[in-house]
Every structure is written in C-alpha cells, then in structure tokens.
C-alpha cells in the first residue's frame, strides 16, 4: 500500500466529513455494521498516524461534545471487554506533559 500525500489525506478527510454530515441528516439509513467499520478505521488511522496519540492538542480543538467523546470511549472499551478499572490502570500509567497539561503514556 502506498503512502498518502498530505493533500490526498485532506481530500479524504473532507470527503468523510461531508459523508458524516449527510448521514447525520438522515440517520435512519445507517447500517450499524458500516458505522462500526468506519469507527474502527478512524480509530486505527488515528492510533497509527498521530505522532503522539496520547497528547494531541488538536483533539481539544475538535467539535466533539463530552457526551460524544464518552459514548465512543465507553463503546470501544466494552468492545474490547475492558472495564473502567482496567482503563484507569492504563490511563494512570501515563505522565502529564507540563507544557500542555495533557497525559501521555510511556
């Protein structure tokens, strides 16, 4: 598989945002399997491509509500059979970046 250029990546991201906007206007037509596959692909993309996925300042700038963030986080934890306790162990093994106040894992 070849690497995407920055412009190709932005084109795909803009297309995906347009598709999301269209789907949100008529959410009764969403196939749950397709939605789950899209979430998995976005999760893999972020996890594998973010320079520091645990301390991304860009995520704080997104238009995602706390409810939306917690819904996705809880869903992903359940899908992996992880409890809040197990996640807290993972989360607490990180360190806080004093310049940004964000938590990063070692």
N, C-alpha and C. Protein backbone atom coordinates (compact mmCIF):
# COMPACT_ATOMS: atom_id res chain seq x y z
N UNK A 1 0.84 -1.17 0.00
CA UNK A 1 0.00 0.00 0.00
C UNK A 1 0.89 1.24 0.00
N UNK A 2 0.59 2.18 -0.87
CA UNK A 2 1.40 3.40 -0.93
C UNK A 2 0.95 4.40 0.12
N UNK A 3 1.84 5.29 0.48
CA UNK A 3 1.53 6.34 1.45
C UNK A 3 0.69 7.42 0.79
N UNK A 4 -0.15 8.06 1.60
CA UNK A 4 -0.95 9.17 1.11
C UNK A 4 -0.18 10.47 1.25
N UNK A 5 -0.32 11.33 0.25
CA UNK A 5 0.24 12.67 0.39
C UNK A 5 -0.65 13.46 1.33
N UNK A 6 -0.13 14.57 1.81
CA UNK A 6 -0.91 15.43 2.70
C UNK A 6 -2.20 15.89 2.01
N UNK A 7 -2.10 16.27 0.74
CA UNK A 7 -3.30 16.75 0.03
C UNK A 7 -4.31 15.62 -0.18
N UNK A 8 -3.83 14.41 -0.46
CA UNK A 8 -4.74 13.27 -0.61
C UNK A 8 -5.44 12.96 0.71
N UNK A 9 -4.68 13.03 1.81
CA UNK A 9 -5.25 12.78 3.12
C UNK A 9 -6.34 13.81 3.44
N UNK A 10 -6.06 15.08 3.18
CA UNK A 10 -7.04 16.14 3.45
C UNK A 10 -8.28 15.98 2.58
N UNK A 11 -8.09 15.55 1.35
CA UNK A 11 -9.22 15.31 0.46
C UNK A 11 -10.11 14.20 1.01
N UNK A 12 -9.50 13.13 1.49
CA UNK A 12 -10.26 12.03 2.07
C UNK A 12 -10.98 12.48 3.34
N UNK A 13 -10.29 13.25 4.17
CA UNK A 13 -10.89 13.73 5.42
C UNK A 13 -12.09 14.64 5.12
N UNK A 14 -11.96 15.52 4.13
CA UNK A 14 -13.07 16.40 3.77
C UNK A 14 -14.24 15.59 3.22
N UNK A 15 -13.94 14.57 2.42
CA UNK A 15 -15.00 13.72 1.88
C UNK A 15 -15.71 12.98 3.02
N UNK A 16 -14.95 12.46 3.95
CA UNK A 16 -15.55 11.76 5.08
C UNK A 16 -16.43 12.69 5.91
N UNK A 17 -15.97 13.91 6.13
CA UNK A 17 -16.77 14.89 6.89
C UNK A 17 -18.08 15.18 6.15
N UNK A 18 -18.04 15.28 4.84
CA UNK A 18 -19.26 15.52 4.06
C UNK A 18 -20.22 14.33 4.16
N UNK A 19 -19.66 13.12 4.11
CA UNK A 19 -20.49 11.92 4.25
C UNK A 19 -21.13 11.88 5.63
N UNK A 20 -20.36 12.20 6.67
CA UNK A 20 -20.89 12.21 8.03
C UNK A 20 -22.03 13.22 8.15
N UNK A 21 -21.85 14.42 7.61
CA UNK A 21 -22.90 15.43 7.65
C UNK A 21 -24.17 14.93 6.95
N UNK A 22 -23.99 14.28 5.81
CA UNK A 22 -25.14 13.77 5.06
C UNK A 22 -25.85 12.66 5.85
N UNK A 23 -25.08 11.76 6.42
CA UNK A 23 -25.65 10.65 7.18
C UNK A 23 -26.38 11.16 8.42
N UNK A 24 -25.80 12.15 9.10
CA UNK A 24 -26.43 12.67 10.31
C UNK A 24 -27.78 13.31 10.01
N UNK A 25 -27.95 13.81 8.81
CA UNK A 25 -29.24 14.41 8.45
C UNK A 25 -30.31 13.35 8.22
N UNK A 26 -29.92 12.11 7.97
CA UNK A 26 -30.88 11.01 7.75
C UNK A 26 -30.33 9.74 8.38
N UNK A 27 -30.22 9.73 9.72
CA UNK A 27 -29.55 8.64 10.41
C UNK A 27 -30.32 7.32 10.39
N UNK A 28 -31.56 7.31 9.93
CA UNK A 28 -32.31 6.05 9.85
C UNK A 28 -31.77 5.12 8.78
N UNK A 29 -30.95 5.64 7.86
CA UNK A 29 -30.43 4.81 6.78
C UNK A 29 -29.05 4.23 7.09
N UNK A 30 -28.53 4.46 8.28
CA UNK A 30 -27.19 3.99 8.62
C UNK A 30 -27.22 2.50 8.97
N UNK A 31 -26.35 1.74 8.32
CA UNK A 31 -26.18 0.34 8.66
C UNK A 31 -25.19 0.26 9.82
N UNK A 32 -25.56 -0.40 10.91
CA UNK A 32 -24.72 -0.43 12.11
C UNK A 32 -23.35 -1.04 11.82
N UNK A 33 -23.30 -2.06 10.98
CA UNK A 33 -22.01 -2.69 10.65
C UNK A 33 -21.10 -1.71 9.91
N UNK A 34 -21.68 -0.93 8.99
CA UNK A 34 -20.88 0.07 8.27
C UNK A 34 -20.38 1.15 9.22
N UNK A 35 -21.24 1.55 10.14
CA UNK A 35 -20.85 2.56 11.12
C UNK A 35 -19.71 2.06 12.00
N UNK A 36 -19.80 0.82 12.46
CA UNK A 36 -18.75 0.24 13.30
C UNK A 36 -17.44 0.11 12.52
N UNK A 37 -17.53 -0.28 11.26
CA UNK A 37 -16.34 -0.40 10.42
C UNK A 37 -15.67 0.95 10.23
N UNK A 38 -16.47 2.00 10.06
CA UNK A 38 -15.94 3.35 9.90
C UNK A 38 -15.24 3.81 11.18
N UNK A 39 -15.87 3.54 12.34
CA UNK A 39 -15.25 3.91 13.61
C UNK A 39 -13.93 3.16 13.81
N UNK A 40 -13.91 1.88 13.48
CA UNK A 40 -12.68 1.09 13.62
C UNK A 40 -11.58 1.65 12.71
N UNK A 41 -11.94 2.01 11.48
CA UNK A 41 -10.94 2.54 10.55
C UNK A 41 -10.40 3.88 11.05
N UNK A 42 -11.28 4.75 11.55
CA UNK A 42 -10.83 6.04 12.07
C UNK A 42 -9.95 5.84 13.30
N UNK A 43 -10.29 4.89 14.14
CA UNK A 43 -9.50 4.61 15.34
C UNK A 43 -8.11 4.12 14.96
N UNK A 44 -8.04 3.19 14.02
CA UNK A 44 -6.74 2.68 13.56
C UNK A 44 -5.92 3.79 12.91
N UNK A 45 -6.58 4.61 12.09
CA UNK A 45 -5.88 5.70 11.43
C UNK A 45 -5.26 6.64 12.44
N UNK A 46 -6.04 7.06 13.45
CA UNK A 46 -5.52 7.97 14.47
C UNK A 46 -4.41 7.31 15.28
N UNK A 47 -4.64 6.08 15.73
CA UNK A 47 -3.66 5.39 16.58
C UNK A 47 -2.33 5.16 15.86
N UNK A 48 -2.40 4.88 14.57
CA UNK A 48 -1.18 4.57 13.82
C UNK A 48 -0.49 5.77 13.20
N UNK A 49 -1.20 6.88 13.03
CA UNK A 49 -0.62 8.02 12.32
C UNK A 49 -0.33 9.23 13.20
N UNK A 50 -0.97 9.34 14.35
CA UNK A 50 -0.72 10.50 15.21
C UNK A 50 0.69 10.43 15.78
N UNK A 51 1.46 11.50 15.68
CA UNK A 51 2.82 11.49 16.21
C UNK A 51 2.87 11.16 17.70
N UNK A 52 1.94 11.67 18.46
CA UNK A 52 1.83 11.35 19.89
C UNK A 52 0.33 11.27 20.22
N UNK A 53 -0.26 10.09 20.01
CA UNK A 53 -1.72 9.98 20.14
C UNK A 53 -2.25 10.27 21.54
N UNK A 54 -1.41 10.25 22.54
CA UNK A 54 -1.88 10.48 23.91
C UNK A 54 -1.82 11.95 24.31
N UNK A 55 -1.23 12.80 23.49
CA UNK A 55 -1.07 14.20 23.87
C UNK A 55 -1.38 15.15 22.72
N UNK A 56 -2.35 14.79 21.92
CA UNK A 56 -2.66 15.61 20.76
C UNK A 56 -3.47 16.84 21.14
N UNK A 57 -2.85 18.01 20.98
CA UNK A 57 -3.55 19.26 21.24
C UNK A 57 -4.65 19.48 20.22
N UNK A 58 -4.52 18.88 19.06
CA UNK A 58 -5.53 19.04 18.01
C UNK A 58 -6.89 18.48 18.44
N UNK A 59 -6.88 17.43 19.25
CA UNK A 59 -8.16 16.83 19.66
C UNK A 59 -8.97 17.78 20.53
N UNK A 60 -8.30 18.64 21.28
CA UNK A 60 -9.02 19.60 22.12
C UNK A 60 -9.74 20.65 21.27
N UNK A 61 -9.35 20.79 20.02
CA UNK A 61 -9.94 21.78 19.14
C UNK A 61 -11.11 21.23 18.33
N UNK A 62 -11.36 19.94 18.41
CA UNK A 62 -12.43 19.34 17.63
C UNK A 62 -13.80 19.69 18.19
N UNK A 63 -14.77 19.68 17.32
CA UNK A 63 -16.14 19.95 17.74
C UNK A 63 -16.81 18.64 18.13
N UNK A 64 -16.33 18.06 19.24
CA UNK A 64 -16.88 16.82 19.78
C UNK A 64 -17.31 17.13 21.20
N UNK A 65 -18.56 16.82 21.50
CA UNK A 65 -19.06 17.10 22.84
C UNK A 65 -18.51 16.08 23.84
N UNK A 66 -18.50 16.41 25.11
CA UNK A 66 -18.10 15.43 26.12
C UNK A 66 -18.95 14.16 26.05
N UNK A 67 -20.24 14.31 25.78
CA UNK A 67 -21.11 13.14 25.66
C UNK A 67 -20.70 12.26 24.49
N UNK A 68 -20.40 12.88 23.35
CA UNK A 68 -19.97 12.11 22.19
C UNK A 68 -18.64 11.40 22.46
N UNK A 69 -17.71 12.11 23.08
CA UNK A 69 -16.41 11.52 23.39
C UNK A 69 -16.56 10.33 24.34
N UNK A 70 -17.36 10.50 25.38
CA UNK A 70 -17.56 9.42 26.36
C UNK A 70 -18.32 8.25 25.76
N UNK A 71 -19.27 8.52 24.88
CA UNK A 71 -20.01 7.45 24.23
C UNK A 71 -19.08 6.56 23.41
N UNK A 72 -18.23 7.20 22.61
CA UNK A 72 -17.29 6.43 21.78
C UNK A 72 -16.27 5.71 22.66
N UNK A 73 -15.74 6.39 23.67
CA UNK A 73 -14.74 5.75 24.55
C UNK A 73 -15.36 4.54 25.25
N UNK A 74 -16.56 4.70 25.80
CA UNK A 74 -17.20 3.59 26.51
C UNK A 74 -17.51 2.44 25.56
N UNK A 75 -17.95 2.76 24.36
CA UNK A 75 -18.26 1.73 23.37
C UNK A 75 -17.01 0.95 23.00
N UNK A 76 -15.91 1.66 22.77
CA UNK A 76 -14.66 0.97 22.42
C UNK A 76 -14.14 0.13 23.58
N UNK A 77 -14.27 0.62 24.81
CA UNK A 77 -13.85 -0.16 25.97
C UNK A 77 -14.67 -1.44 26.09
N UNK A 78 -15.98 -1.32 25.94
CA UNK A 78 -16.85 -2.50 26.02
C UNK A 78 -16.53 -3.50 24.91
N UNK A 79 -16.26 -2.98 23.71
CA UNK A 79 -15.96 -3.86 22.57
C UNK A 79 -14.70 -4.68 22.82
N UNK A 80 -13.79 -4.15 23.63
CA UNK A 80 -12.55 -4.86 23.96
C UNK A 80 -12.64 -5.59 25.29
N UNK A 81 -13.84 -5.64 25.87
CA UNK A 81 -14.08 -6.28 27.17
C UNK A 81 -13.21 -5.68 28.26
N UNK A 82 -13.02 -4.36 28.20
CA UNK A 82 -12.25 -3.65 29.22
C UNK A 82 -13.20 -2.96 30.18
N UNK A 83 -12.88 -3.04 31.45
CA UNK A 83 -13.69 -2.36 32.46
C UNK A 83 -13.11 -0.97 32.71
N UNK A 84 -13.89 -0.10 33.34
CA UNK A 84 -13.33 1.22 33.70
C UNK A 84 -12.08 1.09 34.58
N UNK A 85 -12.04 0.06 35.44
CA UNK A 85 -10.85 -0.13 36.28
C UNK A 85 -9.63 -0.43 35.42
N UNK A 86 -9.78 -1.33 34.46
CA UNK A 86 -8.65 -1.67 33.59
C UNK A 86 -8.19 -0.44 32.80
N UNK A 87 -9.14 0.35 32.34
CA UNK A 87 -8.78 1.56 31.63
C UNK A 87 -8.08 2.55 32.55
N UNK A 88 -8.53 2.65 33.79
CA UNK A 88 -7.89 3.58 34.72
C UNK A 88 -6.44 3.19 34.99
N UNK A 89 -6.15 1.89 35.01
CA UNK A 89 -4.77 1.43 35.18
C UNK A 89 -3.94 1.88 33.98
N UNK A 90 -4.49 1.70 32.77
CA UNK A 90 -3.81 2.12 31.54
C UNK A 90 -3.60 3.63 31.57
N UNK A 91 -4.66 4.36 31.89
CA UNK A 91 -4.61 5.82 31.89
C UNK A 91 -3.64 6.36 32.94
N UNK A 92 -3.62 5.75 34.13
CA UNK A 92 -2.77 6.25 35.20
C UNK A 92 -1.30 5.91 35.00
N UNK A 93 -0.98 5.03 34.07
CA UNK A 93 0.43 4.68 33.85
C UNK A 93 1.13 5.73 32.99
N UNK A 94 0.42 6.78 32.64
CA UNK A 94 1.00 7.85 31.83
C UNK A 94 1.63 8.92 32.68
N UNK A 95 2.08 9.95 32.01
CA UNK A 95 2.64 11.09 32.71
C UNK A 95 1.99 12.34 32.15
N UNK A 96 1.99 13.40 32.89
CA UNK A 96 1.40 14.65 32.44
C UNK A 96 2.47 15.52 31.81
N UNK A 97 2.19 16.01 30.62
CA UNK A 97 3.08 16.94 29.93
C UNK A 97 2.82 18.32 30.51
N UNK A 98 3.77 18.86 31.24
CA UNK A 98 3.57 20.12 31.94
C UNK A 98 3.37 21.30 31.00
N UNK A 99 3.86 21.19 29.78
CA UNK A 99 3.69 22.31 28.83
C UNK A 99 2.26 22.39 28.31
N UNK A 100 1.57 21.24 28.23
CA UNK A 100 0.22 21.25 27.67
C UNK A 100 -0.83 20.80 28.68
N UNK A 101 -0.39 20.16 29.76
CA UNK A 101 -1.34 19.64 30.74
C UNK A 101 -1.98 18.35 30.30
N UNK A 102 -1.53 17.79 29.17
CA UNK A 102 -2.12 16.55 28.67
C UNK A 102 -1.37 15.35 29.22
N UNK A 103 -2.04 14.23 29.20
CA UNK A 103 -1.46 12.99 29.70
C UNK A 103 -0.90 12.19 28.55
N UNK A 104 0.30 11.67 28.71
CA UNK A 104 0.90 10.79 27.71
C UNK A 104 1.30 9.49 28.39
N UNK A 105 1.18 8.41 27.65
CA UNK A 105 1.57 7.11 28.18
C UNK A 105 2.97 6.77 27.71
N UNK A 106 3.66 6.03 28.53
CA UNK A 106 5.02 5.63 28.20
C UNK A 106 5.01 4.43 27.30
